[in-house]
Protein backbone atom coordinates (compact mmCIF):
# COMPACT_ATOMS: atom_id res chain seq x y z
CA MET A 1 96.58 61.30 39.83
CA GLY A 2 96.91 64.39 37.29
CA ILE A 3 93.25 65.09 38.23
CA ALA A 4 93.93 65.24 42.38
CA PHE A 5 97.33 67.13 41.51
CA ALA A 6 95.83 70.15 39.81
CA SER A 7 92.99 70.01 42.61
CA LEU A 8 95.27 69.88 45.31
CA LEU A 9 96.81 73.43 44.03
CA LEU A 10 93.30 74.88 42.97
CA LEU A 11 92.34 74.10 46.54
CA PHE A 12 95.12 75.33 47.86
CA GLY A 13 94.18 78.70 46.26
CA LEU A 14 90.37 78.33 48.05
CA ALA A 15 91.02 77.44 50.80
CA ILE A 16 94.18 79.75 52.17
CA LEU A 17 92.56 82.60 53.07
CA PRO A 18 89.58 80.93 55.00
CA THR A 19 92.36 78.74 56.81
CA MET A 20 93.67 82.01 57.86
CA THR A 21 90.03 83.00 58.83
CA HIS A 22 90.06 80.55 61.29
CA TYR A 23 93.48 80.80 62.41
CA ALA A 24 92.64 85.11 63.32
CA ASP A 25 89.12 84.24 64.69
CA ASN A 26 91.25 81.43 67.04
CA LEU A 27 93.51 83.64 67.99
CA GLU A 28 91.21 86.34 69.83
CA THR A 29 89.08 84.65 71.30
CA SER A 30 92.56 82.49 72.88
CA LEU A 31 92.31 85.26 75.35
CA VAL A 32 90.19 84.50 77.92
CA ALA A 33 89.48 87.80 78.80
CA GLU A 34 89.47 91.73 77.49
CA HIS A 35 92.93 92.56 78.90
CA GLN A 36 95.41 89.88 79.51
CA TYR A 37 98.32 92.12 81.81
CA THR A 38 101.91 91.43 82.41
CA LEU A 39 103.97 92.59 84.84
CA LYS A 40 107.84 93.22 84.93
CA ALA A 41 107.06 91.85 88.76
CA PRO A 42 104.84 91.38 91.30
CA LEU A 43 102.28 94.82 91.92
CA GLU A 44 99.27 94.01 94.30
CA LEU A 45 96.11 96.05 93.54
CA GLU A 46 94.89 95.74 96.90
CA GLY A 47 95.92 98.55 99.57
CA THR A 48 95.50 101.34 102.00
CA ALA A 49 95.58 104.35 100.92
CA GLU A 50 98.41 105.07 103.03
CA GLU A 51 100.07 102.38 101.27
CA ARG A 52 99.50 103.67 97.84
CA GLU A 53 101.21 107.01 99.36
CA GLN A 54 104.08 105.03 100.68
CA TRP A 55 104.71 103.40 97.94
CA SER A 56 103.91 106.20 95.31
CA ALA A 57 106.79 108.13 98.11
CA LEU A 58 108.87 105.72 97.47
CA GLU A 59 108.25 105.22 93.02
CA ARG A 60 108.88 109.28 93.33
CA LEU A 61 111.81 109.36 95.06
CA GLN A 62 113.69 105.92 92.76
CA SER A 63 113.13 108.58 89.77
CA VAL A 64 115.75 110.62 90.14
CA ASP A 65 119.97 110.08 90.83
CA GLY A 66 120.63 107.19 92.90
CA ALA A 67 124.09 109.56 94.01
CA LEU A 68 121.50 112.46 95.25
CA LEU A 69 119.49 109.61 97.44
CA SER A 70 122.78 108.76 98.55
CA ALA A 71 124.01 111.45 99.58
CA ALA A 72 121.50 112.64 101.48
CA GLN A 73 121.11 109.12 103.28
CA ASP A 74 125.59 109.39 103.69
CA ALA A 75 125.08 113.23 105.75
CA ASP A 76 121.60 112.37 106.83
CA ASP A 77 123.84 109.23 108.67
CA GLU A 78 126.95 111.98 109.28
CA LEU A 79 124.31 113.89 111.22
CA ASP A 80 123.42 111.03 113.57
CA ASP A 81 126.57 110.38 114.38
CA ALA A 82 127.52 113.92 115.72
CA ALA A 83 124.58 114.17 117.12
CA ASP A 84 125.81 110.38 119.18
CA ALA A 85 129.21 112.47 119.49
CA ALA A 86 127.29 115.69 121.21
CA GLN A 87 125.50 113.77 123.80
CA ALA A 88 128.64 112.13 124.81
CA ALA A 89 130.18 115.06 125.52
CA THR A 90 127.24 117.04 126.98
CA ASP A 91 127.24 113.20 129.52
CA ALA A 92 130.85 114.46 130.23
CA VAL A 93 130.55 117.47 131.01
CA THR A 94 127.77 116.86 133.26
CA SER A 95 129.67 114.32 135.13
CA VAL A 96 133.51 115.66 135.35
CA PRO A 97 133.11 119.47 134.24
CA SER A 98 136.30 120.93 132.92
CA ALA A 99 137.39 123.41 130.33
CA GLU A 100 138.52 120.63 128.30
CA SER A 101 135.05 118.99 128.36
CA LEU A 102 132.97 122.12 127.80
CA ALA A 103 135.62 122.92 125.23
CA ALA A 104 135.01 119.29 123.52
CA ALA A 105 131.51 119.66 123.77
CA LYS A 106 131.29 122.80 121.96
CA ASP A 107 133.31 121.58 119.17
CA ALA A 108 130.51 118.39 118.97
CA LEU A 109 127.27 121.07 119.26
CA ALA A 110 129.31 122.90 116.22
CA SER A 111 130.13 119.89 114.36
CA VAL A 112 125.91 119.16 114.36
CA GLN A 113 125.34 122.67 113.29
CA ASP A 114 128.04 122.10 110.14
CA LYS A 115 126.20 117.93 109.81
CA LYS A 116 123.18 119.77 109.48
CA ASP A 117 123.48 122.19 107.45
CA ALA A 118 125.10 119.88 104.66
CA LEU A 119 122.33 117.29 105.37
CA TYR A 120 119.63 120.67 104.55
CA ALA A 121 122.06 122.00 101.76
CA ARG A 122 121.85 117.59 99.93
CA LEU A 123 118.54 117.55 101.21
CA ASP A 124 117.76 120.94 99.07
CA ASP A 125 119.24 119.15 95.88
CA LEU A 126 117.67 116.23 96.33
CA ALA A 127 113.69 118.57 96.67
CA ASP A 128 115.25 120.63 93.11
CA ALA A 129 115.69 117.50 91.43
CA LEU A 130 112.03 116.36 92.26
CA GLY A 131 110.64 119.60 91.34
CA CYS A 132 109.65 120.53 95.10
CA ASN A 133 110.53 121.84 98.16
CA ARG A 134 112.68 120.80 101.40
CA ASP A 135 109.72 119.27 103.35
CA GLU A 136 107.90 117.92 100.55
CA ALA A 137 110.77 115.76 99.83
CA ILE A 138 111.59 115.02 103.88
CA ASP A 139 108.57 113.90 103.49
CA LEU A 140 108.50 111.58 100.43
CA ILE A 141 111.47 110.07 102.54
CA ASP A 142 109.86 109.69 105.84
CA LYS A 143 106.48 107.60 103.57
CA ALA A 144 108.51 105.99 101.57
CA SER A 145 110.91 104.88 105.11
CA LYS A 146 107.81 103.37 106.64
CA ILE A 147 108.36 100.48 103.82
CA ASP A 148 110.08 97.06 105.03
CA THR A 149 112.28 97.23 101.04
CA ASP A 150 114.26 94.40 102.79
CA ASN A 151 111.26 92.47 103.23
CA ASP A 152 111.04 89.58 100.52
CA ASP A 153 107.57 88.51 100.56
CA ILE A 154 105.60 91.95 100.13
CA HIS A 155 104.92 93.04 96.85
CA PRO A 156 104.56 96.74 96.17
CA VAL A 157 101.11 98.16 96.26
CA ASN A 158 99.55 100.12 92.84
CA THR A 159 99.56 103.77 93.71
CA THR A 160 96.63 104.29 91.97
CA ASP A 161 92.99 103.19 93.42
CA ASN A 162 90.92 100.86 90.21
CA GLY A 163 87.67 100.68 92.42
CA ALA A 164 86.56 97.80 94.63
CA GLY A 165 85.12 96.62 91.42
CA ALA A 166 87.61 95.76 88.85
CA ILE A 167 90.10 94.87 91.51
CA ALA A 168 87.95 92.10 92.44
CA GLN A 169 86.96 91.04 89.05
CA ALA A 170 90.75 91.31 87.94
CA GLU A 171 92.30 87.99 89.11
CA LYS A 172 96.42 87.32 89.17
CA TYR A 173 97.76 84.89 87.22
CA ALA A 174 102.24 83.38 86.03
CA ILE A 175 103.41 82.94 82.10
CA TYR A 176 106.89 81.73 81.56
CA GLN A 177 108.39 81.17 78.36
CA LEU A 178 110.45 77.27 77.87
CA GLN A 179 111.17 75.92 74.94
CA TYR A 180 110.66 72.54 73.62
CA ASP A 181 113.15 70.92 70.25
CA ARG A 182 111.31 69.96 67.81
CA GLY A 183 114.47 67.70 66.21
CA ASP A 184 115.77 67.12 62.89
CA GLY A 185 116.98 70.16 62.86
CA ASN A 186 113.47 72.11 62.69
CA GLY A 187 114.60 74.04 65.82
CA GLU A 188 112.81 74.93 69.18
CA GLU A 189 109.47 76.39 70.00
CA THR A 190 108.26 78.40 72.19
CA ILE A 191 106.03 77.61 74.76
CA SER A 192 104.22 79.75 76.70
CA VAL A 193 103.82 77.90 80.29
CA TYR A 194 101.21 79.76 82.36
CA GLY A 195 99.95 79.32 86.14
CA ILE A 196 96.59 79.95 86.56
CA SER A 197 93.70 79.92 89.29
CA ALA A 198 92.47 76.16 90.45
CA ASP A 199 88.99 77.73 90.61
CA SER A 200 89.40 80.74 87.62
CA ARG A 201 86.79 82.43 86.13
CA TYR A 202 88.55 83.22 83.01
CA TRP A 203 90.04 80.26 82.29
CA LYS A 204 86.45 77.80 82.17
CA ASP A 205 85.92 74.37 82.57
CA LEU A 206 89.79 74.02 82.71
CA ASN A 207 91.45 71.34 85.83
CA VAL A 208 94.47 72.36 87.15
CA GLY A 209 96.05 71.84 90.70
CA ASP A 210 97.37 68.98 92.52
CA GLY A 211 100.21 68.22 89.52
CA ARG A 212 97.92 68.30 87.02
CA VAL A 213 99.34 69.87 83.77
CA VAL A 214 97.02 70.80 80.60
CA PHE A 215 98.14 71.10 76.95
CA GLY A 216 96.86 73.38 74.36
CA GLY A 217 95.40 71.92 71.49
CA GLY A 218 97.27 73.57 69.73
CA LEU A 219 100.96 71.25 70.83
CA LEU A 220 99.35 67.85 70.59
CA ASP A 221 98.16 68.59 66.89
CA LYS A 222 101.43 70.10 66.03
CA PHE A 223 103.71 67.28 67.23
CA GLY A 224 101.09 64.46 67.81
CA TRP A 225 102.13 63.37 71.72
CA SER A 226 100.81 60.33 72.56
CA GLU A 227 98.68 59.81 76.47
CA GLY A 228 101.87 59.21 78.58
CA GLN A 229 104.97 60.48 76.71
CA LYS A 230 107.28 62.85 78.57
CA VAL A 231 107.98 66.65 77.44
CA THR A 232 111.01 68.31 78.23
CA LEU A 233 110.95 71.94 77.77
CA SER A 234 114.14 73.93 78.51
CA ASP A 235 114.63 77.02 80.17
CA LYS A 236 117.31 79.10 77.69
CA TYR A 237 118.67 81.86 80.09
CA GLU A 238 118.89 79.75 83.50
CA GLY A 239 120.03 76.64 81.66
CA GLU A 240 116.98 74.05 83.44
CA HIS A 241 115.13 71.38 82.22
CA TYR A 242 111.90 70.41 83.13
CA SER A 243 109.62 67.20 82.24
CA LEU A 244 106.14 67.17 82.00
CA GLU A 245 103.55 64.78 81.56
CA TYR A 246 100.71 64.21 78.46
CA ALA A 247 98.43 62.36 80.67
CA GLY A 248 95.62 62.21 78.28
CA LYS A 249 92.74 63.57 76.33
CA ASP A 250 91.48 64.94 79.57
CA CYS A 251 94.46 67.28 79.70
CA ALA A 252 94.10 68.94 76.74
CA TRP A 253 92.28 72.31 76.27
CA GLY A 254 91.64 74.79 73.81
CA SER A 255 91.70 75.19 70.14
CA LYS A 256 94.67 73.49 67.65
CA SER A 257 95.95 77.19 67.67
CA ASP A 258 96.87 76.89 71.41
CA MET A 259 100.22 76.77 72.42
CA ASN A 260 100.30 76.90 76.04
CA ILE A 261 100.83 73.94 78.94
CA TYR A 262 98.73 75.38 81.84
CA MET A 263 99.52 74.05 85.81
CA SER A 264 97.73 75.92 88.84
CA ILE A 265 99.77 79.15 89.92
CA ASP A 266 100.63 76.70 93.19
CA ASP A 267 102.19 74.37 90.98
CA PHE A 268 103.85 76.89 88.87
CA ASN A 269 105.05 78.68 91.63
CA GLU A 270 106.93 75.02 92.98
CA LEU A 271 107.37 74.10 89.63
CA PHE A 272 109.86 77.18 88.48
CA ASP A 273 111.61 77.46 92.98
CA ASN A 274 109.50 81.20 93.02
CA ASP A 275 107.95 82.44 96.65
CA ALA A 276 104.76 81.12 96.83
CA ALA A 277 103.02 84.19 96.05
CA TYR A 278 104.69 85.05 93.16
CA PHE A 279 102.55 86.35 89.98
CA ASN A 280 103.07 88.37 86.63
CA GLY A 281 100.42 89.28 85.57
CA TYR A 282 96.68 90.18 85.23
CA VAL A 283 93.46 89.05 82.84
CA SER A 284 90.75 91.62 83.29
CA ASP A 285 87.94 92.32 81.70
CA GLU A 286 87.63 96.03 82.62
CA LYS A 287 90.94 98.25 81.50
CA LEU A 288 93.53 98.62 84.68
CA ASP A 289 95.49 101.43 85.63
CA LEU A 290 99.02 100.17 86.38
CA ASP A 291 102.43 101.78 87.69
CA ALA A 292 104.58 102.03 84.16
CA ARG A 293 107.30 100.83 86.47
CA TYR A 294 106.11 97.65 86.46
CA PHE A 295 104.28 97.41 83.52
CA ALA A 296 104.53 95.49 80.93
CA GLY A 297 102.16 95.01 78.10
CA ASP A 298 98.68 94.33 77.81
CA THR A 299 96.81 92.27 74.86
CA THR A 300 93.45 92.69 73.73
CA PRO A 301 91.46 90.25 71.11
CA ASP A 302 92.02 93.39 69.18
CA ASP A 303 95.42 92.85 69.59
CA MET A 304 95.10 88.92 68.52
CA ARG A 305 93.56 90.02 65.63
CA ALA A 306 95.67 91.98 64.06
CA VAL A 307 98.38 89.37 64.06
CA GLY A 308 95.64 87.24 61.61
CA ASP A 309 94.72 90.51 59.66
CA GLN A 310 98.40 90.77 59.05
CA PHE A 311 98.45 87.07 57.69
CA ILE A 312 95.52 87.62 56.00
CA GLY A 313 96.67 90.88 53.99
CA MET A 314 100.20 88.68 53.46
CA MET A 315 97.99 86.08 51.50
CA SER A 316 95.16 87.71 50.09
CA LYS A 317 97.50 88.45 47.61
CA MET A 318 98.75 84.68 46.29
CA ILE A 319 95.03 84.08 46.73
CA GLY A 320 95.12 84.99 42.71
CA MET A 321 97.82 83.74 41.73
CA MET A 322 97.22 80.12 43.40
CA VAL A 323 93.50 79.95 42.07
CA GLY A 324 95.08 81.27 38.29
CA LEU A 325 97.84 78.66 38.62
CA ALA A 326 95.67 75.88 39.39
CA VAL A 327 92.97 76.49 36.60
CA PHE A 328 95.49 76.93 34.09
CA ILE A 329 97.32 73.38 35.04
CA PHE A 330 93.86 71.89 35.69
CA LEU A 331 93.04 73.21 31.62
CA LEU A 332 96.95 71.88 30.70
CA PHE A 333 96.29 68.43 32.67
CA MET A 334 92.75 67.90 31.48
CA TYR A 335 93.61 68.49 28.15
CA LEU A 336 96.07 65.96 27.33
CA LEU A 337 94.91 63.66 29.06
CA THR A 338 92.10 63.58 27.42
CA LYS A 339 93.05 64.27 23.76
CA ALA A 340 95.24 60.89 24.87
CA VAL A 341 91.98 59.41 24.86
CA ILE A 342 90.63 60.84 21.50
CA ASP A 343 94.51 60.29 19.73
CA HIS A 344 94.86 56.92 20.45
CA SER A 345 91.21 55.80 19.33
CA ALA A 346 91.00 58.72 15.83
CA ARG A 347 91.21 55.68 13.71
CA SER A 348 87.67 53.92 15.69
CA ILE A 349 86.41 57.28 15.06
CA SER A 350 87.12 57.33 11.49
CA TYR A 351 85.81 53.63 11.02
CA MET A 352 82.53 54.99 12.98
CA LYS A 353 82.33 58.17 10.62
CA VAL A 354 82.57 55.12 8.07
CA PHE A 355 79.33 53.56 9.85
CA GLY A 356 77.36 56.21 9.16
CA TYR A 357 77.42 57.42 12.72
CA ARG A 358 77.41 61.19 12.93
CA ASP A 359 79.44 63.58 15.53
CA GLY A 360 76.85 64.13 17.95
CA GLU A 361 76.15 60.29 18.31
CA ILE A 362 80.54 59.66 18.22
CA SER A 363 81.17 62.71 20.87
CA HIS A 364 78.35 62.02 23.12
CA LEU A 365 80.22 58.48 23.16
CA TYR A 366 83.81 58.48 23.78
CA ILE A 367 83.46 62.12 26.13
CA ARG A 368 80.64 60.84 27.89
CA SER A 369 82.93 58.26 29.61
CA ILE A 370 85.64 61.08 30.37
CA THR A 371 83.21 62.89 32.16
CA LEU A 372 82.04 60.18 34.29
CA CYS A 373 86.20 59.42 34.90
CA VAL A 374 86.74 62.96 35.72
CA ALA A 375 83.21 63.77 37.54
CA ALA A 376 84.05 60.77 39.74
CA SER A 377 87.99 61.60 40.27
CA LEU A 378 87.08 64.81 41.86
CA VAL A 379 84.82 64.27 44.02
CA LEU A 380 86.56 60.51 45.37
CA SER A 381 90.31 62.99 45.20
CA LEU A 382 88.43 65.43 48.19
CA PRO A 383 89.74 63.53 51.06
CA VAL A 384 93.08 62.30 49.48
CA ILE A 385 93.82 66.02 48.97
CA ILE A 386 92.48 67.77 52.22
CA GLY A 387 95.13 65.23 54.25
CA SER A 388 97.57 66.22 51.57
CA LEU A 389 97.12 70.29 52.24
CA THR A 390 97.43 68.91 56.44
CA ALA A 391 100.58 66.84 55.98
CA ILE A 392 101.88 69.93 53.74
CA PHE A 393 100.73 72.71 56.35
CA ARG A 394 102.34 70.19 58.72
CA SER A 395 105.99 70.40 57.41
CA MET A 396 105.65 74.34 56.12
CA LEU A 397 105.72 75.57 59.56
CA LEU A 398 106.91 73.02 61.59
CA SER A 399 109.85 74.82 61.95
CA TYR A 400 107.91 77.80 63.01
CA ASN A 401 106.17 79.32 66.52
CA GLY A 402 102.84 78.15 66.34
CA ASN A 403 100.27 76.00 64.88
CA ILE A 404 97.94 76.43 62.06
CA GLU A 405 95.34 74.35 60.92
CA ILE A 406 94.47 73.53 57.94
CA TYR A 407 90.56 74.66 57.09
CA VAL A 408 88.48 73.37 54.88
CA PRO A 409 85.16 74.99 54.45
CA THR A 410 82.05 72.81 52.55
CA TRP A 411 81.83 75.50 50.07
CA SER A 412 85.83 76.01 49.28
CA MET A 413 85.19 71.88 48.11
CA ALA A 414 81.87 72.85 46.13
CA ALA A 415 83.94 75.47 44.17
CA CYS A 416 87.19 73.19 43.44
CA VAL A 417 84.49 70.33 42.16
CA GLY A 418 82.79 73.15 39.98
CA ILE A 419 85.72 74.97 38.78
CA GLY A 420 87.05 72.03 37.83
CA PHE A 421 84.49 70.40 35.96
CA ALA A 422 83.94 74.26 34.02
CA THR A 423 87.39 73.96 33.05
CA TYR A 424 86.60 70.52 31.80
CA LEU A 425 83.76 71.80 29.93
CA VAL A 426 85.71 73.77 28.26
CA VAL A 427 88.52 71.61 27.04
CA ALA A 428 85.41 68.74 26.10
CA LEU A 429 83.82 71.81 24.12
CA LEU A 430 87.78 71.66 22.18
CA HIS A 431 88.21 67.86 22.38
CA MET A 432 84.06 68.24 20.28
CA ARG A 433 86.03 69.81 17.23
CA SER A 434 88.95 67.60 17.31
CA ILE A 435 86.29 64.67 16.59
CA ARG A 436 84.51 66.83 13.96
CA ARG A 437 87.90 67.02 12.81
CA VAL A 438 88.76 63.34 12.61
CA SER A 439 88.77 62.99 8.59
CA LEU A 440 87.28 59.31 6.87
CA ALA A 441 90.74 59.18 4.88
CA GLU A 442 91.64 58.10 8.90
CA ALA A 443 90.22 54.41 8.68
CA LEU A 444 92.13 53.40 5.52
CA LYS A 445 95.53 54.10 6.71
CA VAL A 446 98.02 51.40 6.95
CA GLN A 447 97.99 50.09 10.43
CA GLU A 448 101.30 49.38 11.51
């Protein structure tokens, strides 16, 4: 038990860096493409040059104070009303000529000119804010007016043309975050739910569609969900609850660091009651130039590696301390345990000296049995230690997002046994000195 406890501390110190490195590798490889873009709202990459100009004009107009746009719109409406009134007055003069109708028509035309001057003044204010002249401002308004902004099915078109090749290899996806109650007061796990193409070129060998829900390997490893179990997830923003069923091992995908849930994008939009064409991200092996108005973030393998390296940096400072503490405890345990055997056998050792046994022979007789016991304990306790480390990690990380798989490479197990045995050899040398110091007089003492 003492050797197992000391080995547990030692193996923890030796395995912590490989575990963090393994976790960093999993994070890096969890990204299926060189770029994973998230958007604030759907943004179409495909579009004609005319459509890009229209959306570019709208975006530019929306960059200025809305009061200027409202004032220009109000002035345009007033001009239209004045023009209608002038037309009515002109028609009245034509049908019933009179001094009154002629005066009314004259006043109506004057009002049209006033409204026109007012509109030009508002357009000049707008042009100043845009940094252009009045004609350019009118052109922007004309282009933007061709967009049916009241149609919810229309998505904005990216104003930059990324090229046919880059657009063709980019793939839409949808993502939303839900919470899972860990239970026992351990808080909530944040889980990303992905909606992807059923025949995705990036999420390879991930079978989704027809209501099929696939769970990341990290979720199954951390929470141990069984086949057929229904998992209830909540939306902390909308207050909604969603029940998803884990159908079995065929519905698992990814490493033990994968904490996501996957389904087809059609099932995703149906689940969250979105428009059928909704999406909020792109995966792409090529860099895309996306409008800043809709761009939310770009995650790359380098970003994930940086997160993993941060973990490694934090843990690296602990490794030396953990190994040093484990070796000290190992030394202490070995010394106390084996010293108890030597002290208990002091009279027997004294008798053997009386009978003519040399110190080396006595040491060989006693140290050999202890050595075999230590060697067997070091090796046989490894499975128990690894199981204990796994349980400890799960307990430590249960109240935190994510799942770190304990990773114990062969070299660390060999190093644990080697360091443990080397530590024991130091203790054995000390005990050989203790055996030499047992006097012949010990055999003559009266035994109580």
